[in-house]
Amino acid sequence: MPVLVPLPSGERIMVRPLGAADRDAYVAALDGLSAHSRYLRFAAPKPRFTRREIDYLTDVDGVNHVALVAMGAPGCQGIAVARYVRTDDGAAEVAVAVVDAWQGRGVGGTLTTLLLDHAREAGVHALDAHVLTENHASLALLHRFGFRPTGSDGLQRSYRLRLDAAHDGLGVVAA
């Protein structure tokens, strides 16, 4: 069910689960990411995505692979996606991407809050994140939410958040 969520600026975004019907819009949003933003999100140069990669990113089951999409206004294209994918140990890997035009406006933090709530309600006990060491915005977001470092290979840092940890909620209004 879509919800209207306030950003720190007072703007509102609509957030809902990503669905198979969002495939074309998702591809358009990926095309709206700069080469640098795609690199930071996918930890590799990504001038284009294969059909298999797009299938993986858009064919979510809502249980083991959950993705929330944010839109700037009703009827607008997506501006961000936050997702988690469960792993064998009962935890899940988390990732967030925000199109360049909406970066720095609180969209990533807002979606992360909603995704954490969803994961808790779904019984996920921890979230893991792997972030390039040069991705300062994502590193700041992880620290703000209480993710703790678990390792580094020099290129990427790994973090974990136990989901019983407290966090600030949002005022969410049903759309």
Protein backbone atom coordinates (compact mmCIF):
# COMPACT_ATOMS: atom_id res chain seq x y z
CA MET A 1 0.00 0.00 0.00
CA PRO A 2 1.47 3.41 -0.94
CA VAL A 3 2.20 5.85 1.87
CA LEU A 4 3.04 9.53 1.83
CA VAL A 5 6.14 10.22 3.88
CA PRO A 6 7.57 13.62 4.86
CA LEU A 7 11.19 14.44 4.15
CA PRO A 8 13.21 16.65 6.51
CA SER A 9 12.60 19.55 4.09
CA GLY A 10 8.82 19.20 4.45
CA GLU A 11 8.43 17.75 0.95
CA ARG A 12 6.49 14.52 0.77
CA ILE A 13 7.35 11.43 -1.21
CA MET A 14 5.17 8.44 -2.00
CA VAL A 15 6.64 5.07 -1.02
CA ARG A 16 5.34 1.66 -2.02
CA PRO A 17 6.65 -1.85 -2.70
CA LEU A 18 8.47 -2.27 -6.00
CA GLY A 19 6.59 -4.58 -8.35
CA ALA A 20 7.18 -6.38 -11.63
CA ALA A 21 5.20 -3.66 -13.44
CA ASP A 22 7.91 -1.18 -12.40
CA ARG A 23 10.54 -2.77 -14.65
CA ASP A 24 10.62 -0.05 -17.34
CA ALA A 25 10.50 2.76 -14.78
CA TYR A 26 13.31 1.05 -12.83
CA VAL A 27 15.47 0.90 -15.94
CA ALA A 28 14.74 4.61 -16.58
CA ALA A 29 15.74 5.42 -12.99
CA LEU A 30 18.99 3.48 -13.39
CA ASP A 31 19.64 5.48 -16.54
CA GLY A 32 19.03 8.61 -14.42
CA LEU A 33 21.93 7.73 -12.13
CA SER A 34 25.24 9.29 -13.07
CA ALA A 35 28.09 6.91 -13.85
CA HIS A 36 29.60 7.82 -10.48
CA SER A 37 26.36 7.07 -8.59
CA ARG A 38 26.02 3.71 -10.37
CA TYR A 39 29.61 2.92 -9.43
CA LEU A 40 29.03 3.82 -5.78
CA ARG A 41 25.83 1.73 -5.59
CA PHE A 42 27.02 -1.35 -7.49
CA ALA A 43 30.75 -1.19 -6.56
CA ALA A 44 31.73 -1.47 -10.22
CA PRO A 45 31.48 0.58 -13.39
CA LYS A 46 27.98 -0.12 -14.79
CA PRO A 47 27.43 1.62 -18.14
CA ARG A 48 24.53 -0.77 -18.75
CA PHE A 49 22.69 -3.60 -17.06
CA THR A 50 22.00 -7.06 -18.45
CA ARG A 51 18.49 -8.47 -18.69
CA ARG A 52 19.43 -10.93 -15.94
CA GLU A 53 20.55 -8.10 -13.62
CA ILE A 54 17.33 -6.16 -14.26
CA ASP A 55 15.31 -9.32 -13.63
CA TYR A 56 17.05 -9.80 -10.29
CA LEU A 57 16.53 -6.16 -9.28
CA THR A 58 12.84 -6.04 -10.24
CA ASP A 59 11.53 -9.57 -9.60
CA VAL A 60 11.12 -9.25 -5.85
CA ASP A 61 8.96 -11.65 -3.84
CA GLY A 62 8.19 -9.30 -0.94
CA VAL A 63 9.43 -11.88 1.59
CA ASN A 64 13.04 -12.85 0.92
CA HIS A 65 13.69 -9.97 -1.45
CA VAL A 66 11.93 -6.75 -0.47
CA ALA A 67 12.25 -3.46 -2.33
CA LEU A 68 10.58 -0.13 -1.59
CA VAL A 69 10.36 2.51 -4.31
CA ALA A 70 9.99 6.24 -3.65
CA MET A 71 8.34 8.67 -6.04
CA GLY A 72 8.56 12.44 -5.85
CA ALA A 73 4.87 12.96 -6.60
CA PRO A 74 1.93 10.80 -7.65
CA GLY A 75 2.45 9.67 -11.22
CA CYS A 76 6.16 10.57 -11.25
CA GLN A 77 8.96 8.17 -11.98
CA GLY A 78 10.81 6.53 -9.14
CA ILE A 79 13.47 8.56 -7.38
CA ALA A 80 14.93 5.90 -5.06
CA VAL A 81 14.87 2.23 -4.15
CA ALA A 82 15.78 0.62 -0.85
CA ARG A 83 15.95 -3.15 -0.64
CA TYR A 84 16.96 -6.08 1.47
CA VAL A 85 17.67 -9.64 0.43
CA ARG A 86 17.60 -12.34 3.09
CA THR A 87 20.67 -14.48 3.56
CA ASP A 88 20.91 -18.04 4.87
CA ASP A 89 21.69 -16.94 8.44
CA GLY A 90 18.37 -15.09 8.97
CA ALA A 91 19.94 -11.72 8.31
CA ALA A 92 19.57 -9.68 5.12
CA GLU A 93 21.78 -7.55 2.92
CA VAL A 94 20.56 -4.00 2.45
CA ALA A 95 21.15 -1.45 -0.32
CA VAL A 96 19.77 1.99 -1.14
CA ALA A 97 20.03 4.04 -4.34
CA VAL A 98 18.74 7.58 -4.88
CA VAL A 99 18.73 9.27 -8.30
CA ASP A 100 21.18 12.15 -8.50
CA ALA A 101 18.57 14.93 -8.58
CA TRP A 102 17.17 13.80 -5.20
CA GLN A 103 20.42 13.08 -3.37
CA GLY A 104 21.08 15.09 -0.22
CA ARG A 105 17.37 15.69 0.50
CA GLY A 106 16.79 12.96 3.07
CA VAL A 107 15.29 10.37 0.74
CA GLY A 108 17.89 7.71 1.57
CA GLY A 109 17.39 8.10 5.32
CA THR A 110 13.62 8.12 4.98
CA LEU A 111 13.59 4.93 2.91
CA THR A 112 16.10 3.29 5.24
CA THR A 113 13.82 3.96 8.22
CA LEU A 114 10.87 2.36 6.42
CA LEU A 115 12.98 -0.59 5.29
CA LEU A 116 14.25 -1.18 8.85
CA ASP A 117 10.67 -1.18 10.12
CA HIS A 118 9.64 -3.65 7.42
CA ALA A 119 12.59 -5.93 8.15
CA ARG A 120 11.86 -5.94 11.90
CA GLU A 121 8.21 -6.79 11.29
CA ALA A 122 9.27 -9.56 8.89
CA GLY A 123 11.50 -11.18 11.52
CA VAL A 124 14.87 -10.25 10.03
CA HIS A 125 17.28 -10.11 12.97
CA ALA A 126 20.14 -8.14 11.38
CA LEU A 127 20.98 -6.14 8.29
CA ASP A 128 24.35 -6.23 6.56
CA ALA A 129 25.71 -3.55 4.24
CA HIS A 130 28.79 -3.47 2.05
CA VAL A 131 29.87 0.01 0.98
CA LEU A 132 32.79 1.39 -0.98
CA THR A 133 35.15 3.29 1.30
CA GLU A 134 34.76 6.36 -0.93
CA ASN A 135 30.95 6.40 -0.59
CA HIS A 136 30.86 8.98 2.19
CA ALA A 137 27.11 9.63 2.01
CA SER A 138 26.27 5.94 2.48
CA LEU A 139 28.83 5.56 5.24
CA ALA A 140 27.31 8.53 7.08
CA LEU A 141 23.83 7.02 6.66
CA LEU A 142 24.95 3.68 8.09
CA HIS A 143 26.59 5.37 11.07
CA ARG A 144 23.48 7.47 11.70
CA PHE A 145 21.34 4.33 11.89
CA GLY A 146 23.77 2.55 14.21
CA PHE A 147 25.34 0.05 11.79
CA ARG A 148 28.60 -1.25 13.26
CA PRO A 149 31.73 -2.08 11.23
CA THR A 150 32.41 -5.77 10.76
CA GLY A 151 35.33 -5.69 8.36
CA SER A 152 37.08 -4.10 5.42
CA ASP A 153 39.04 -5.30 2.43
CA GLY A 154 40.45 -1.85 1.70
CA LEU A 155 37.98 -1.19 -1.14
CA GLN A 156 34.75 -1.92 0.73
CA ARG A 157 33.66 -1.73 4.33
CA SER A 158 31.14 -4.14 5.81
CA TYR A 159 28.60 -3.19 8.47
CA ARG A 160 25.89 -4.90 10.51
CA LEU A 161 22.89 -3.57 12.37
CA ARG A 162 21.08 -5.69 14.95
CA LEU A 163 17.42 -4.93 14.43
CA ASP A 164 16.56 -4.84 18.11
CA ALA A 165 18.47 -1.52 18.25
CA ALA A 166 16.35 1.60 18.69
CA HIS A 167 15.84 4.12 15.90
CA ASP A 168 13.75 7.20 15.21
CA GLY A 169 10.42 6.64 13.44
CA LEU A 170 8.68 8.72 10.81
CA GLY A 171 5.24 10.21 10.59
CA VAL A 172 3.70 8.12 7.81
CA VAL A 173 0.36 8.98 6.27
CA ALA A 174 -1.57 6.45 4.20
CA ALA A 175 -1.91 7.65 0.60
